[in-house]
């Protein structure tokens, strides 16, 4: 964990932008998610198809799946951006 004060807000660019920020006792937590329009979410697609089978669609047609490797890379990039922010 990095503990320091920033002189300015860093320009943070991660997938879909920062979608979570919260201050807790141990400091700030920042995060992003992979639930955007162009992100494949197999569980959500299956649920929607089960709820409305006459309008079933293949969720893989409209985006890309962000796997654990992608998410870890995004977290590492986010940590570096914060670490070296002025």
N, C-alpha and C. Protein backbone atom coordinates (compact mmCIF):
# COMPACT_ATOMS: atom_id res chain seq x y z
N UNK A 1 0.84 -1.17 0.00
CA UNK A 1 0.00 0.00 0.00
C UNK A 1 0.90 1.24 0.00
N UNK A 2 0.51 2.24 -0.77
CA UNK A 2 1.25 3.49 -0.85
C UNK A 2 0.54 4.51 0.03
N UNK A 3 1.28 5.10 0.94
CA UNK A 3 0.70 6.14 1.80
C UNK A 3 1.44 7.45 1.54
N UNK A 4 0.75 8.37 0.87
CA UNK A 4 1.32 9.70 0.66
C UNK A 4 0.23 10.64 0.19
N UNK A 5 0.48 11.91 0.34
CA UNK A 5 -0.47 12.93 -0.12
C UNK A 5 -0.10 13.34 -1.54
N UNK A 6 -1.11 13.55 -2.34
CA UNK A 6 -0.87 13.99 -3.71
C UNK A 6 -1.08 15.49 -3.81
N UNK A 7 -0.23 16.12 -4.61
CA UNK A 7 -0.37 17.56 -4.83
C UNK A 7 -1.52 17.87 -5.78
N UNK A 8 -1.83 16.94 -6.67
CA UNK A 8 -2.92 17.11 -7.62
C UNK A 8 -3.56 15.75 -7.88
N UNK A 9 -4.75 15.78 -8.41
CA UNK A 9 -5.42 14.53 -8.76
C UNK A 9 -4.72 13.92 -9.97
N UNK A 10 -4.34 12.67 -9.89
CA UNK A 10 -3.65 12.04 -11.02
C UNK A 10 -4.60 11.78 -12.19
N UNK A 11 -4.05 11.77 -13.39
CA UNK A 11 -4.80 11.43 -14.59
C UNK A 11 -4.81 9.90 -14.67
N UNK A 12 -5.87 9.30 -14.19
CA UNK A 12 -5.94 7.84 -14.09
C UNK A 12 -6.77 7.30 -15.25
N UNK A 13 -6.12 6.47 -16.06
CA UNK A 13 -6.81 5.87 -17.20
C UNK A 13 -6.72 4.35 -17.10
N UNK A 14 -7.82 3.77 -16.75
CA UNK A 14 -7.93 2.31 -16.72
C UNK A 14 -9.18 1.93 -17.51
N UNK A 15 -9.36 0.66 -17.76
CA UNK A 15 -10.49 0.18 -18.55
C UNK A 15 -11.81 0.73 -18.01
N UNK A 16 -12.50 1.51 -18.81
CA UNK A 16 -13.80 2.05 -18.42
C UNK A 16 -13.72 3.18 -17.41
N UNK A 17 -12.52 3.58 -17.02
CA UNK A 17 -12.36 4.63 -16.02
C UNK A 17 -12.49 4.09 -14.61
N UNK A 18 -12.15 4.91 -13.66
CA UNK A 18 -12.28 4.53 -12.25
C UNK A 18 -13.78 4.52 -11.92
N UNK A 19 -14.28 3.38 -11.51
CA UNK A 19 -15.71 3.26 -11.20
C UNK A 19 -15.98 3.06 -9.71
N UNK A 20 -14.92 3.03 -8.94
CA UNK A 20 -15.09 2.94 -7.49
C UNK A 20 -13.99 3.75 -6.82
N UNK A 21 -14.38 4.56 -5.86
CA UNK A 21 -13.42 5.28 -5.03
C UNK A 21 -14.05 5.42 -3.65
N UNK A 22 -13.31 5.07 -2.64
CA UNK A 22 -13.82 5.18 -1.29
C UNK A 22 -12.70 5.32 -0.29
N UNK A 23 -12.94 6.10 0.73
CA UNK A 23 -11.94 6.29 1.77
C UNK A 23 -12.33 5.44 2.97
N UNK A 24 -11.38 4.65 3.40
CA UNK A 24 -11.57 3.77 4.54
C UNK A 24 -10.50 4.08 5.58
N UNK A 25 -10.56 3.41 6.70
CA UNK A 25 -9.60 3.67 7.78
C UNK A 25 -8.16 3.52 7.31
N UNK A 26 -7.90 2.55 6.44
CA UNK A 26 -6.53 2.31 5.97
C UNK A 26 -6.14 3.15 4.77
N UNK A 27 -7.01 4.01 4.28
CA UNK A 27 -6.69 4.88 3.14
C UNK A 27 -7.73 4.78 2.04
N UNK A 28 -7.38 5.31 0.89
CA UNK A 28 -8.28 5.31 -0.26
C UNK A 28 -8.18 4.00 -1.03
N UNK A 29 -9.31 3.57 -1.53
CA UNK A 29 -9.37 2.42 -2.43
C UNK A 29 -9.95 2.93 -3.75
N UNK A 30 -9.30 2.57 -4.84
CA UNK A 30 -9.77 2.93 -6.18
C UNK A 30 -9.92 1.64 -6.98
N UNK A 31 -10.88 1.63 -7.88
CA UNK A 31 -11.06 0.43 -8.67
C UNK A 31 -11.79 0.70 -9.97
N UNK A 32 -11.84 -0.33 -10.79
CA UNK A 32 -12.54 -0.29 -12.07
C UNK A 32 -13.30 -1.60 -12.22
N UNK A 33 -14.20 -1.64 -13.21
CA UNK A 33 -14.94 -2.89 -13.42
C UNK A 33 -14.93 -3.27 -14.89
N UNK A 34 -15.36 -4.46 -15.15
CA UNK A 34 -15.41 -4.99 -16.52
C UNK A 34 -16.84 -5.35 -16.86
N UNK A 35 -17.74 -4.45 -16.54
CA UNK A 35 -19.16 -4.66 -16.81
C UNK A 35 -19.73 -3.58 -17.70
N UNK A 36 -18.97 -3.14 -18.68
CA UNK A 36 -19.41 -2.07 -19.58
C UNK A 36 -20.10 -2.68 -20.81
N UNK A 37 -20.66 -1.83 -21.64
CA UNK A 37 -21.43 -2.27 -22.81
C UNK A 37 -20.64 -3.23 -23.69
N UNK A 38 -19.36 -2.96 -23.90
CA UNK A 38 -18.57 -3.80 -24.80
C UNK A 38 -17.80 -4.90 -24.07
N UNK A 39 -18.16 -5.17 -22.83
CA UNK A 39 -17.55 -6.25 -22.06
C UNK A 39 -18.50 -7.45 -22.04
N UNK A 40 -17.97 -8.61 -22.35
CA UNK A 40 -18.77 -9.84 -22.28
C UNK A 40 -18.86 -10.28 -20.83
N UNK A 41 -20.08 -10.48 -20.37
CA UNK A 41 -20.34 -10.98 -19.02
C UNK A 41 -21.19 -12.23 -19.16
N UNK A 42 -20.54 -13.40 -19.27
CA UNK A 42 -21.29 -14.63 -19.56
C UNK A 42 -22.42 -14.92 -18.59
N UNK A 43 -22.22 -14.69 -17.32
CA UNK A 43 -23.26 -14.96 -16.34
C UNK A 43 -24.48 -14.08 -16.54
N UNK A 44 -24.26 -12.81 -16.85
CA UNK A 44 -25.37 -11.89 -17.08
C UNK A 44 -26.10 -12.28 -18.37
N UNK A 45 -25.34 -12.62 -19.41
CA UNK A 45 -25.98 -13.04 -20.66
C UNK A 45 -26.85 -14.27 -20.47
N UNK A 46 -26.35 -15.24 -19.71
CA UNK A 46 -27.13 -16.45 -19.45
C UNK A 46 -28.39 -16.13 -18.66
N UNK A 47 -28.29 -15.25 -17.68
CA UNK A 47 -29.45 -14.86 -16.89
C UNK A 47 -30.50 -14.16 -17.75
N UNK A 48 -30.07 -13.20 -18.55
CA UNK A 48 -31.01 -12.48 -19.40
C UNK A 48 -31.68 -13.41 -20.41
N UNK A 49 -30.92 -14.34 -20.95
CA UNK A 49 -31.51 -15.29 -21.91
C UNK A 49 -32.51 -16.22 -21.22
N UNK A 50 -32.25 -16.57 -19.98
CA UNK A 50 -33.17 -17.43 -19.23
C UNK A 50 -34.45 -16.66 -18.88
N UNK A 51 -34.31 -15.37 -18.55
CA UNK A 51 -35.48 -14.56 -18.19
C UNK A 51 -36.34 -14.22 -19.40
N UNK A 52 -35.72 -14.12 -20.56
CA UNK A 52 -36.45 -13.72 -21.76
C UNK A 52 -35.99 -14.56 -22.95
N UNK A 53 -36.32 -15.84 -22.98
CA UNK A 53 -35.79 -16.74 -24.00
C UNK A 53 -36.19 -16.39 -25.43
N UNK A 54 -37.33 -15.74 -25.62
CA UNK A 54 -37.73 -15.39 -27.00
C UNK A 54 -36.87 -14.27 -27.59
N UNK A 55 -36.11 -13.59 -26.78
CA UNK A 55 -35.19 -12.55 -27.27
C UNK A 55 -33.75 -12.89 -26.93
N UNK A 56 -33.45 -14.17 -26.87
CA UNK A 56 -32.11 -14.64 -26.49
C UNK A 56 -31.07 -14.15 -27.50
N UNK A 57 -29.92 -13.73 -26.98
CA UNK A 57 -28.81 -13.29 -27.83
C UNK A 57 -27.53 -13.95 -27.33
N UNK A 58 -26.57 -14.02 -28.20
CA UNK A 58 -25.26 -14.55 -27.84
C UNK A 58 -24.42 -13.39 -27.31
N UNK A 59 -24.09 -13.36 -26.00
CA UNK A 59 -23.34 -12.22 -25.45
C UNK A 59 -21.95 -12.08 -26.05
N UNK A 60 -21.42 -13.13 -26.66
CA UNK A 60 -20.07 -13.07 -27.22
C UNK A 60 -20.03 -12.29 -28.53
N UNK A 61 -21.17 -11.93 -29.08
CA UNK A 61 -21.20 -11.19 -30.35
C UNK A 61 -20.86 -9.71 -30.20
N UNK A 62 -21.01 -9.18 -29.01
CA UNK A 62 -20.98 -7.73 -28.85
C UNK A 62 -19.78 -7.17 -28.09
N UNK A 63 -18.84 -7.99 -27.73
CA UNK A 63 -17.73 -7.45 -26.97
C UNK A 63 -16.64 -8.47 -26.75
N UNK A 64 -15.79 -8.17 -25.79
CA UNK A 64 -14.70 -9.07 -25.46
C UNK A 64 -14.75 -9.38 -23.97
N UNK A 65 -14.30 -10.58 -23.64
CA UNK A 65 -14.27 -11.02 -22.26
C UNK A 65 -12.95 -10.57 -21.63
N UNK A 66 -13.03 -9.97 -20.47
CA UNK A 66 -11.84 -9.52 -19.75
C UNK A 66 -11.51 -10.57 -18.71
N UNK A 67 -10.44 -11.31 -18.96
CA UNK A 67 -10.07 -12.41 -18.06
C UNK A 67 -9.23 -11.90 -16.88
N UNK A 68 -8.87 -12.82 -16.01
CA UNK A 68 -8.13 -12.47 -14.80
C UNK A 68 -6.79 -11.81 -15.13
N UNK A 69 -6.14 -12.26 -16.18
CA UNK A 69 -4.87 -11.65 -16.59
C UNK A 69 -5.08 -10.17 -16.97
N UNK A 70 -6.15 -9.87 -17.69
CA UNK A 70 -6.47 -8.50 -18.06
C UNK A 70 -6.72 -7.65 -16.81
N UNK A 71 -7.50 -8.19 -15.88
CA UNK A 71 -7.84 -7.45 -14.66
C UNK A 71 -6.59 -7.20 -13.81
N UNK A 72 -5.74 -8.21 -13.67
CA UNK A 72 -4.50 -8.03 -12.90
C UNK A 72 -3.62 -6.96 -13.54
N UNK A 73 -3.54 -6.96 -14.87
CA UNK A 73 -2.76 -5.94 -15.57
C UNK A 73 -3.33 -4.55 -15.33
N UNK A 74 -4.66 -4.44 -15.33
CA UNK A 74 -5.30 -3.17 -15.05
C UNK A 74 -5.04 -2.69 -13.63
N UNK A 75 -5.05 -3.62 -12.68
CA UNK A 75 -4.75 -3.27 -11.28
C UNK A 75 -3.31 -2.81 -11.13
N UNK A 76 -2.39 -3.51 -11.79
CA UNK A 76 -0.98 -3.13 -11.73
C UNK A 76 -0.78 -1.75 -12.35
N UNK A 77 -1.42 -1.49 -13.48
CA UNK A 77 -1.31 -0.18 -14.13
C UNK A 77 -1.89 0.91 -13.23
N UNK A 78 -3.01 0.64 -12.61
CA UNK A 78 -3.63 1.60 -11.70
C UNK A 78 -2.70 1.90 -10.53
N UNK A 79 -2.10 0.87 -9.97
CA UNK A 79 -1.17 1.07 -8.85
C UNK A 79 0.03 1.91 -9.27
N UNK A 80 0.56 1.66 -10.46
CA UNK A 80 1.69 2.46 -10.95
C UNK A 80 1.31 3.91 -11.19
N UNK A 81 0.14 4.12 -11.76
CA UNK A 81 -0.32 5.49 -11.99
C UNK A 81 -0.43 6.27 -10.69
N UNK A 82 -0.95 5.62 -9.68
CA UNK A 82 -1.09 6.28 -8.38
C UNK A 82 0.28 6.47 -7.73
N UNK A 83 1.11 5.46 -7.82
CA UNK A 83 2.43 5.50 -7.19
C UNK A 83 3.27 6.66 -7.70
N UNK A 84 3.21 6.91 -9.01
CA UNK A 84 4.06 7.94 -9.60
C UNK A 84 3.32 9.23 -9.90
N UNK A 85 2.10 9.37 -9.37
CA UNK A 85 1.35 10.62 -9.54
C UNK A 85 2.01 11.72 -8.72
N UNK A 86 1.92 12.91 -9.25
CA UNK A 86 2.57 14.04 -8.58
C UNK A 86 1.76 14.62 -7.50
